[in-house]
PDB file of N, CA and C in Angstrom:
ATOM      1  N   MET A   1     126.765 -80.393 142.911  1.00  0.00           N
ATOM      2  CA  MET A   1     127.002 -80.604 141.675  1.00  0.00           C
ATOM      3  C   MET A   1     128.128 -80.773 141.125  1.00  0.00           C
ATOM      4  N   SER A   2     129.440 -80.214 141.905  1.00  0.00           N
ATOM      5  CA  SER A   2     130.764 -80.284 141.222  1.00  0.00           C
ATOM      6  C   SER A   2     131.440 -81.311 141.953  1.00  0.00           C
ATOM      7  N   MET A   3     130.874 -82.202 143.010  1.00  0.00           N
ATOM      8  CA  MET A   3     131.127 -83.184 143.485  1.00  0.00           C
ATOM      9  C   MET A   3     130.814 -84.597 142.676  1.00  0.00           C
ATOM     10  N   PHE A   4     129.596 -84.367 142.195  1.00  0.00           N
ATOM     11  CA  PHE A   4     129.097 -85.585 141.129  1.00  0.00           C
ATOM     12  C   PHE A   4     130.014 -85.408 139.910  1.00  0.00           C
ATOM     13  N   HIS A   5     130.092 -84.374 139.436  1.00  0.00           N
ATOM     14  CA  HIS A   5     130.843 -83.984 138.391  1.00  0.00           C
ATOM     15  C   HIS A   5     132.045 -84.695 138.449  1.00  0.00           C
ATOM     16  N   ALA A   6     132.707 -84.178 139.498  1.00  0.00           N
ATOM     17  CA  ALA A   6     134.346 -84.836 139.614  1.00  0.00           C
ATOM     18  C   ALA A   6     134.585 -86.303 139.944  1.00  0.00           C
ATOM     19  N   ARG A   7     133.335 -86.889 140.439  1.00  0.00           N
ATOM     20  CA  ARG A   7     133.284 -88.169 140.582  1.00  0.00           C
ATOM     21  C   ARG A   7     133.017 -89.249 138.994  1.00  0.00           C
ATOM     22  N   TRP A   8     132.402 -88.701 138.351  1.00  0.00           N
ATOM     23  CA  TRP A   8     132.208 -89.112 136.938  1.00  0.00           C
ATOM     24  C   TRP A   8     133.214 -89.050 136.093  1.00  0.00           C
ATOM     25  N   THR A   9     133.939 -87.845 136.397  1.00  0.00           N
ATOM     26  CA  THR A   9     135.020 -87.656 135.506  1.00  0.00           C
ATOM     27  C   THR A   9     136.258 -88.562 135.412  1.00  0.00           C
ATOM     28  N   THR A  10     136.373 -89.053 136.592  1.00  0.00           N
ATOM     29  CA  THR A  10     137.754 -89.743 136.993  1.00  0.00           C
ATOM     30  C   THR A  10     137.640 -90.955 136.538  1.00  0.00           C
ATOM     31  N   PHE A  11     136.278 -91.559 135.989  1.00  0.00           N
ATOM     32  CA  PHE A  11     136.405 -92.941 135.277  1.00  0.00           C
ATOM     33  C   PHE A  11     136.152 -92.712 133.813  1.00  0.00           C
ATOM     34  N   GLU A  12     136.254 -91.701 133.256  1.00  0.00           N
ATOM     35  CA  GLU A  12     136.148 -91.136 131.744  1.00  0.00           C
ATOM     36  C   GLU A  12     137.273 -92.217 131.148  1.00  0.00           C
ATOM     37  N   LEU A  13     137.008 -92.366 130.076  1.00  0.00           N
ATOM     38  CA  LEU A  13     137.828 -93.179 129.072  1.00  0.00           C
ATOM     39  C   LEU A  13     138.425 -91.930 127.942  1.00  0.00           C
ATOM     40  N   ARG A  14     139.704 -91.597 128.066  1.00  0.00           N
ATOM     41  CA  ARG A  14     140.409 -90.899 127.241  1.00  0.00           C
ATOM     42  C   ARG A  14     141.322 -90.954 126.526  1.00  0.00           C
ATOM     43  N   LYS A  15     141.733 -90.456 125.608  1.00  0.00           N
ATOM     44  CA  LYS A  15     142.639 -91.008 124.184  1.00  0.00           C
ATOM     45  C   LYS A  15     143.995 -90.522 125.091  1.00  0.00           C
ATOM     46  N   PRO A  16     144.994 -91.291 125.197  1.00  0.00           N
ATOM     47  CA  PRO A  16     146.190 -90.774 125.503  1.00  0.00           C
ATOM     48  C   PRO A  16     146.893 -89.896 124.890  1.00  0.00           C
ATOM     49  N   ARG A  17     147.559 -88.920 125.420  1.00  0.00           N
ATOM     50  CA  ARG A  17     148.256 -87.717 124.762  1.00  0.00           C
ATOM     51  C   ARG A  17     149.514 -88.060 124.137  1.00  0.00           C
ATOM     52  N   HIS A  18     150.106 -89.282 124.502  1.00  0.00           N
ATOM     53  CA  HIS A  18     151.502 -89.379 123.904  1.00  0.00           C
ATOM     54  C   HIS A  18     151.138 -90.090 122.607  1.00  0.00           C
ATOM     55  N   PRO A  19     151.920 -89.574 121.650  1.00  0.00           N
ATOM     56  CA  PRO A  19     151.718 -90.212 120.174  1.00  0.00           C
ATOM     57  C   PRO A  19     151.653 -91.570 120.069  1.00  0.00           C
ATOM     58  N   ILE A  20     152.923 -92.312 120.364  1.00  0.00           N
ATOM     59  CA  ILE A  20     153.236 -93.447 120.395  1.00  0.00           C
ATOM     60  C   ILE A  20     152.039 -94.495 121.153  1.00  0.00           C
ATOM     61  N   LEU A  21     151.916 -94.106 122.284  1.00  0.00           N
ATOM     62  CA  LEU A  21     150.814 -94.662 123.010  1.00  0.00           C
ATOM     63  C   LEU A  21     149.425 -94.637 122.437  1.00  0.00           C
ATOM     64  N   ARG A  22     149.256 -93.659 121.948  1.00  0.00           N
ATOM     65  CA  ARG A  22     147.559 -93.447 121.156  1.00  0.00           C
ATOM     66  C   ARG A  22     147.812 -94.613 120.335  1.00  0.00           C
ATOM     67  N   VAL A  23     148.988 -94.581 119.225  1.00  0.00           N
ATOM     68  CA  VAL A  23     148.943 -95.769 118.312  1.00  0.00           C
ATOM     69  C   VAL A  23     149.066 -96.938 118.500  1.00  0.00           C
ATOM     70  N   ALA A  24     149.654 -97.261 119.737  1.00  0.00           N
ATOM     71  CA  ALA A  24     149.658 -98.350 120.638  1.00  0.00           C
ATOM     72  C   ALA A  24     148.378 -98.789 120.870  1.00  0.00           C
ATOM     73  N   CYS A  25     147.625 -97.980 121.440  1.00  0.00           N
ATOM     74  CA  CYS A  25     145.902 -98.318 121.542  1.00  0.00           C
ATOM     75  C   CYS A  25     145.274 -98.536 120.257  1.00  0.00           C
ATOM     76  N   ALA A  26     145.321 -97.838 119.385  1.00  0.00           N
ATOM     77  CA  ALA A  26     144.636 -98.074 118.019  1.00  0.00           C
ATOM     78  C   ALA A  26     144.918 -99.389 117.441  1.00  0.00           C
ATOM     79  N   VAL A  27     146.193 -99.630 117.411  1.00  0.00           N
ATOM     80  CA  VAL A  27     146.612-101.100 116.943  1.00  0.00           C
ATOM     81  C   VAL A  27     145.833-102.019 117.872  1.00  0.00           C
ATOM     82  N   PHE A  28     146.039-101.799 119.248  1.00  0.00           N
ATOM     83  CA  PHE A  28     145.292-102.815 120.026  1.00  0.00           C
ATOM     84  C   PHE A  28     144.072-103.266 119.693  1.00  0.00           C
ATOM     85  N   GLY A  29     143.364-102.154 119.666  1.00  0.00           N
ATOM     86  CA  GLY A  29     141.866-102.154 119.192  1.00  0.00           C
ATOM     87  C   GLY A  29     141.794-102.764 118.118  1.00  0.00           C
ATOM     88  N   LEU A  30     142.199-102.529 116.948  1.00  0.00           N
ATOM     89  CA  LEU A  30     142.331-103.133 115.668  1.00  0.00           C
ATOM     90  C   LEU A  30     142.457-104.808 115.996  1.00  0.00           C
ATOM     91  N   LEU A  31     143.498-104.833 116.625  1.00  0.00           N
ATOM     92  CA  LEU A  31     143.895-106.549 116.644  1.00  0.00           C
ATOM     93  C   LEU A  31     142.613-107.107 117.603  1.00  0.00           C
ATOM     94  N   LEU A  32     142.327-106.560 118.610  1.00  0.00           N
ATOM     95  CA  LEU A  32     140.996-107.047 119.092  1.00  0.00           C
ATOM     96  C   LEU A  32     139.864-107.208 118.220  1.00  0.00           C
ATOM     97  N   LEU A  33     139.521-106.298 117.469  1.00  0.00           N
ATOM     98  CA  LEU A  33     138.608-106.336 116.478  1.00  0.00           C
ATOM     99  C   LEU A  33     138.698-107.770 115.811  1.00  0.00           C
ATOM    100  N   ALA A  34     139.784-107.609 114.995  1.00  0.00           N
ATOM    101  CA  ALA A  34     140.133-108.652 114.289  1.00  0.00           C
ATOM    102  C   ALA A  34     140.113-109.977 114.871  1.00  0.00           C
ATOM    103  N   GLY A  35     140.464-110.093 115.946  1.00  0.00           N
ATOM    104  CA  GLY A  35     140.613-111.593 116.702  1.00  0.00           C
ATOM    105  C   GLY A  35     139.068-111.858 117.111  1.00  0.00           C
ATOM    106  N   LEU A  36     138.209-110.946 117.279  1.00  0.00           N
ATOM    107  CA  LEU A  36     136.823-111.032 117.958  1.00  0.00           C
ATOM    108  C   LEU A  36     136.055-111.490 116.087  1.00  0.00           C
ATOM    109  N   LEU A  37     136.177-110.996 115.208  1.00  0.00           N
ATOM    110  CA  LEU A  37     135.760-111.404 113.806  1.00  0.00           C
ATOM    111  C   LEU A  37     136.442-112.975 113.765  1.00  0.00           C
ATOM    112  N   VAL A  38     137.574-113.306 113.831  1.00  0.00           N
ATOM    113  CA  VAL A  38     137.993-114.694 113.508  1.00  0.00           C
ATOM    114  C   VAL A  38     137.524-115.605 114.582  1.00  0.00           C
ATOM    115  N   LEU A  39     137.250-114.977 115.636  1.00  0.00           N
ATOM    116  CA  LEU A  39     136.709-116.159 116.631  1.00  0.00           C
ATOM    117  C   LEU A  39     135.080-116.726 116.512  1.00  0.00           C
ATOM    118  N   GLY A  40     134.436-115.563 115.479  1.00  0.00           N
ATOM    119  CA  GLY A  40     133.150-115.507 115.541  1.00  0.00           C
ATOM    120  C   GLY A  40     133.162-116.727 113.929  1.00  0.00           C
ATOM    121  N   LEU A  41     134.049-116.149 113.333  1.00  0.00           N
ATOM    122  CA  LEU A  41     134.025-117.375 111.710  1.00  0.00           C
ATOM    123  C   LEU A  41     134.448-118.558 112.030  1.00  0.00           C
ATOM    124  N   VAL A  42     135.269-118.395 113.166  1.00  0.00           N
ATOM    125  CA  VAL A  42     135.532-120.159 113.390  1.00  0.00           C
ATOM    126  C   VAL A  42     134.398-121.079 114.238  1.00  0.00           C
ATOM    127  N   VAL A  43     133.648-120.149 115.211  1.00  0.00           N
ATOM    128  CA  VAL A  43     132.754-120.768 115.764  1.00  0.00           C
ATOM    129  C   VAL A  43     131.373-121.199 114.824  1.00  0.00           C
ATOM    130  N   GLY A  44     131.411-120.102 113.407  1.00  0.00           N
ATOM    131  CA  GLY A  44     130.144-120.397 112.988  1.00  0.00           C
ATOM    132  C   GLY A  44     130.401-121.431 112.032  1.00  0.00           C
ATOM    133  N   THR A  45     131.758-121.595 111.548  1.00  0.00           N
ATOM    134  CA  THR A  45     132.420-122.708 110.674  1.00  0.00           C
ATOM    135  C   THR A  45     132.239-124.201 111.440  1.00  0.00           C
ATOM    136  N   LEU A  46     132.428-124.243 112.843  1.00  0.00           N
ATOM    137  CA  LEU A  46     132.369-125.338 113.521  1.00  0.00           C
ATOM    138  C   LEU A  46     130.733-125.560 113.506  1.00  0.00           C
ATOM    139  N   MET A  47     130.260-124.929 113.709  1.00  0.00           N
ATOM    140  CA  MET A  47     128.390-124.962 113.992  1.00  0.00           C
ATOM    141  C   MET A  47     128.230-125.820 112.580  1.00  0.00           C
ATOM    142  N   LEU A  48     128.507-125.109 111.454  1.00  0.00           N
ATOM    143  CA  LEU A  48     128.099-125.938 109.950  1.00  0.00           C
ATOM    144  C   LEU A  48     128.493-126.880 109.902  1.00  0.00           C
ATOM    145  N   THR A  49     129.727-127.312 110.484  1.00  0.00           N
ATOM    146  CA  THR A  49     130.490-128.571 109.875  1.00  0.00           C
ATOM    147  C   THR A  49     130.097-129.693 110.907  1.00  0.00           C
ATOM    148  N   PHE A  50     129.505-129.285 112.131  1.00  0.00           N
ATOM    149  CA  PHE A  50     129.028-130.125 112.878  1.00  0.00           C
ATOM    150  C   PHE A  50     127.893-130.520 112.685  1.00  0.00           C
ATOM    151  N   THR A  51     126.998-129.759 112.148  1.00  0.00           N
ATOM    152  CA  THR A  51     125.454-129.642 111.581  1.00  0.00           C
ATOM    153  C   THR A  51     125.474-130.735 110.041  1.00  0.00           C
ATOM    154  N   LEU A  52     126.518-130.791 109.675  1.00  0.00           N
ATOM    155  CA  LEU A  52     126.752-131.233 108.248  1.00  0.00           C
ATOM    156  C   LEU A  52     127.145-132.492 108.651  1.00  0.00           C
ATOM    157  N   ALA A  53     128.012-132.782 109.327  1.00  0.00           N
ATOM    158  CA  ALA A  53     128.621-134.165 109.690  1.00  0.00           C
ATOM    159  C   ALA A  53     127.827-135.028 110.373  1.00  0.00           C
ATOM    160  N   ARG A  54     126.959-134.344 111.540  1.00  0.00           N
ATOM    161  CA  ARG A  54     125.636-135.111 111.855  1.00  0.00           C
ATOM    162  C   ARG A  54     124.726-135.707 110.883  1.00  0.00           C
ATOM    163  N   ARG A  55     124.360-134.636 109.870  1.00  0.00           N
ATOM    164  CA  ARG A  55     123.423-134.896 108.680  1.00  0.00           C
ATOM    165  C   ARG A  55     123.936-135.857 107.982  1.00  0.00           C
ATOM    166  N   LEU A  56     125.038-135.797 107.399  1.00  0.00           N
ATOM    167  CA  LEU A  56     125.471-136.825 106.566  1.00  0.00           C
ATOM    168  C   LEU A  56     126.039-138.403 107.465  1.00  0.00           C
ATOM    169  N   LEU A  57     126.208-138.441 108.599  1.00  0.00           N
ATOM    170  CA  LEU A  57     126.317-139.814 109.483  1.00  0.00           C
ATOM    171  C   LEU A  57     125.185-140.581 109.777  1.00  0.00           C
ATOM    172  N   GLY A  58     124.171-139.840 109.223  1.00  0.00           N
ATOM    173  CA  GLY A  58     122.744-140.385 109.473  1.00  0.00           C
ATOM    174  C   GLY A  58     122.423-140.264 111.255  1.00  0.00           C
ATOM    175  N   GLY A  59     122.459-139.002 112.060  1.00  0.00           N
ATOM    176  CA  GLY A  59     122.080-138.961 113.075  1.00  0.00           C
ATOM    177  C   GLY A  59     120.411-138.736 113.276  1.00  0.00           C
ATOM    178  N   GLY A  60     119.890-139.073 112.196  1.00  0.00           N
ATOM    179  CA  GLY A  60     118.422-138.953 112.364  1.00  0.00           C
ATOM    180  C   GLY A  60     118.187-137.791 111.445  1.00  0.00           C
ATOM    181  N   ASN A  61     116.576-137.871 111.451  1.00  0.00           N
ATOM    182  CA  ASN A  61     116.183-136.773 110.392  1.00  0.00           C
ATOM    183  C   ASN A  61     115.540-135.753 111.529  1.00  0.00           C
ATOM    184  N   HIS A  62     116.374-134.716 111.708  1.00  0.00           N
ATOM    185  CA  HIS A  62     115.632-133.904 112.951  1.00  0.00           C
ATOM    186  C   HIS A  62     114.913-132.594 112.521  1.00  0.00           C
ATOM    187  N   SER A  63     114.923-132.733 110.813  1.00  0.00           N
ATOM    188  CA  SER A  63     114.227-131.532 110.445  1.00  0.00           C
ATOM    189  C   SER A  63     112.489-131.959 110.159  1.00  0.00           C
ATOM    190  N   THR A  64     112.083-132.963 109.963  1.00  0.00           N
ATOM    191  CA  THR A  64     110.847-133.167 109.687  1.00  0.00           C
ATOM    192  C   THR A  64     110.017-133.179 111.236  1.00  0.00           C
ATOM    193  N   PRO A  65     109.014-132.392 111.257  1.00  0.00           N
ATOM    194  CA  PRO A  65     108.051-132.487 112.317  1.00  0.00           C
ATOM    195  C   PRO A  65     107.360-133.850 112.570  1.00  0.00           C
ATOM    196  N   VAL A  66     107.067-134.000 113.919  1.00  0.00           N
ATOM    197  CA  VAL A  66     106.749-135.161 114.443  1.00  0.00           C
ATOM    198  C   VAL A  66     105.042-135.180 114.282  1.00  0.00           C
ATOM    199  N   ASN A  67     104.691-136.136 113.962  1.00  0.00           N
ATOM    200  CA  ASN A  67     103.014-136.077 113.297  1.00  0.00           C
ATOM    201  C   ASN A  67     102.267-136.576 114.676  1.00  0.00           C
ATOM    202  N   PRO A  68     101.710-135.245 114.858  1.00  0.00           N
ATOM    203  CA  PRO A  68     100.512-135.124 116.137  1.00  0.00           C
ATOM    204  C   PRO A  68      99.930-136.635 116.085  1.00  0.00           C
ATOM    205  N   THR A  69      99.271-136.658 115.007  1.00  0.00           N
ATOM    206  CA  THR A  69      98.272-138.020 115.030  1.00  0.00           C
ATOM    207  C   THR A  69      99.147-139.391 115.908  1.00  0.00           C
ATOM    208  N   SER A  70     100.358-139.593 115.251  1.00  0.00           N
ATOM    209  CA  SER A  70     100.985-140.817 115.666  1.00  0.00           C
ATOM    210  C   SER A  70     101.113-140.826 117.231  1.00  0.00           C
ATOM    211  N   ALA A  71     101.715-139.988 117.523  1.00  0.00           N
ATOM    212  CA  ALA A  71     101.854-139.218 119.030  1.00  0.00           C
ATOM    213  C   ALA A  71     100.618-139.326 119.908  1.00  0.00           C
ATOM    214  N   GLY A  72      99.496-139.658 119.439  1.00  0.00           N
ATOM    215  CA  GLY A  72      98.448-139.449 120.579  1.00  0.00           C
ATOM    216  C   GLY A  72      98.328-138.101 120.984  1.00  0.00           C
ATOM    217  N   THR A  73      98.699-136.814 120.559  1.00  0.00           N
ATOM    218  CA  THR A  73      98.474-135.665 121.096  1.00  0.00           C
ATOM    219  C   THR A  73      97.443-134.958 120.495  1.00  0.00           C
ATOM    220  N   VAL A  74      96.199-135.806 119.855  1.00  0.00           N
ATOM    221  CA  VAL A  74      95.520-134.579 119.369  1.00  0.00           C
ATOM    222  C   VAL A  74      94.589-133.687 119.920  1.00  0.00           C
ATOM    223  N   ILE A  75      94.504-132.765 119.778  1.00  0.00           N
ATOM    224  CA  ILE A  75      93.428-131.868 120.617  1.00  0.00           C
ATOM    225  C   ILE A  75      92.209-131.459 119.650  1.00  0.00           C
ATOM    226  N   GLU A  76      90.992-132.117 120.201  1.00  0.00           N
ATOM    227  CA  GLU A  76      89.954-131.709 119.370  1.00  0.00           C
ATOM    228  C   GLU A  76      89.218-130.402 119.811  1.00  0.00           C
ATOM    229  N   GLY A  77      88.788-129.942 119.052  1.00  0.00           N
ATOM    230  CA  GLY A  77      88.024-128.465 119.181  1.00  0.00           C
ATOM    231  C   GLY A  77      86.978-128.063 118.301  1.00  0.00           C
ATOM    232  N   ASP A  78      86.007-127.231 118.467  1.00  0.00           N
ATOM    233  CA  ASP A  78      85.326-126.407 117.694  1.00  0.00           C
ATOM    234  C   ASP A  78      85.743-124.889 117.198  1.00  0.00           C
ATOM    235  N   TYR A  79      85.245-124.424 116.204  1.00  0.00           N
ATOM    236  CA  TYR A  79      85.436-123.029 116.246  1.00  0.00           C
ATOM    237  C   TYR A  79      84.243-122.513 115.423  1.00  0.00           C
ATOM    238  N   SER A  80      83.946-121.313 115.651  1.00  0.00           N
ATOM    239  CA  SER A  80      83.216-120.667 114.787  1.00  0.00           C
ATOM    240  C   SER A  80      83.577-119.502 114.061  1.00  0.00           C
ATOM    241  N   VAL A  81      82.777-119.058 112.804  1.00  0.00           N
ATOM    242  CA  VAL A  81      83.110-118.122 112.405  1.00  0.00           C
ATOM    243  C   VAL A  81      82.617-116.597 112.550  1.00  0.00           C
ATOM    244  N   VAL A  82      83.054-115.761 112.727  1.00  0.00           N
ATOM    245  CA  VAL A  82      82.471-114.232 113.122  1.00  0.00           C
ATOM    246  C   VAL A  82      82.156-113.528 112.297  1.00  0.00           C
ATOM    247  N   SER A  83      81.229-113.397 111.902  1.00  0.00           N
ATOM    248  CA  SER A  83      80.858-112.704 110.547  1.00  0.00           C
ATOM    249  C   SER A  83      80.165-111.075 110.904  1.00  0.00           C
ATOM    250  N   ASP A  84      79.590-111.183 112.415  1.00  0.00           N
ATOM    251  CA  ASP A  84      79.444-109.738 112.469  1.00  0.00           C
ATOM    252  C   ASP A  84      80.860-108.538 112.606  1.00  0.00           C
ATOM    253  N   ARG A  85      80.613-107.675 111.975  1.00  0.00           N
ATOM    254  CA  ARG A  85      81.659-106.762 112.200  1.00  0.00           C
ATOM    255  C   ARG A  85      82.064-105.976 113.251  1.00  0.00           C
ATOM    256  N   SER A  86      80.996-105.800 113.555  1.00  0.00           N
ATOM    257  CA  SER A  86      80.668-105.097 115.121  1.00  0.00           C
ATOM    258  C   SER A  86      81.599-105.469 116.302  1.00  0.00           C
ATOM    259  N   ARG A  87      81.751-106.768 116.134  1.00  0.00           N
ATOM    260  CA  ARG A  87      82.742-107.597 117.239  1.00  0.00           C
ATOM    261  C   ARG A  87      84.043-108.002 116.773  1.00  0.00           C
ATOM    262  N   ILE A  88      84.555-107.548 115.821  1.00  0.00           N
ATOM    263  CA  ILE A  88      86.149-107.268 115.379  1.00  0.00           C
ATOM    264  C   ILE A  88      86.562-106.472 115.659  1.00  0.00           C
ATOM    265  N   LEU A  89      87.738-106.642 116.197  1.00  0.00           N
ATOM    266  CA  LEU A  89      88.572-105.573 116.915  1.00  0.00           C
ATOM    267  C   LEU A  89      89.274-104.797 116.093  1.00  0.00           C
ATOM    268  N   PRO A  90      89.569-103.457 116.046  1.00  0.00           N
ATOM    269  CA  PRO A  90      90.185-102.967 115.011  1.00  0.00           C
ATOM    270  C   PRO A  90      91.912-102.980 115.122  1.00  0.00           C
ATOM    271  N   HIS A  91      92.330-102.513 114.017  1.00  0.00           N
ATOM    272  CA  HIS A  91      93.866-102.556 114.092  1.00  0.00           C
ATOM    273  C   HIS A  91      94.533-102.144 114.781  1.00  0.00           C
TER     274      HIS A  91
END
């Protein structure tokens, strides 16, 4: 049991004891968090800008669905109404 415990405790992340190093790690973490936030905002803004530019420049109307009757892909079928309550599955 002690060998298993010793193996996993060598990989634990602990706060450094030196106060300056502790502050440096905290500042690095905050900068990393701020950088990821800015990166996400930039990517989101670029996606919205690209979509808006594509719509304004007439890249086609991609928001309307294709009419299945014009494409010849209509699937015909029959249906029946089940009125017997015993055949209905419970919630």
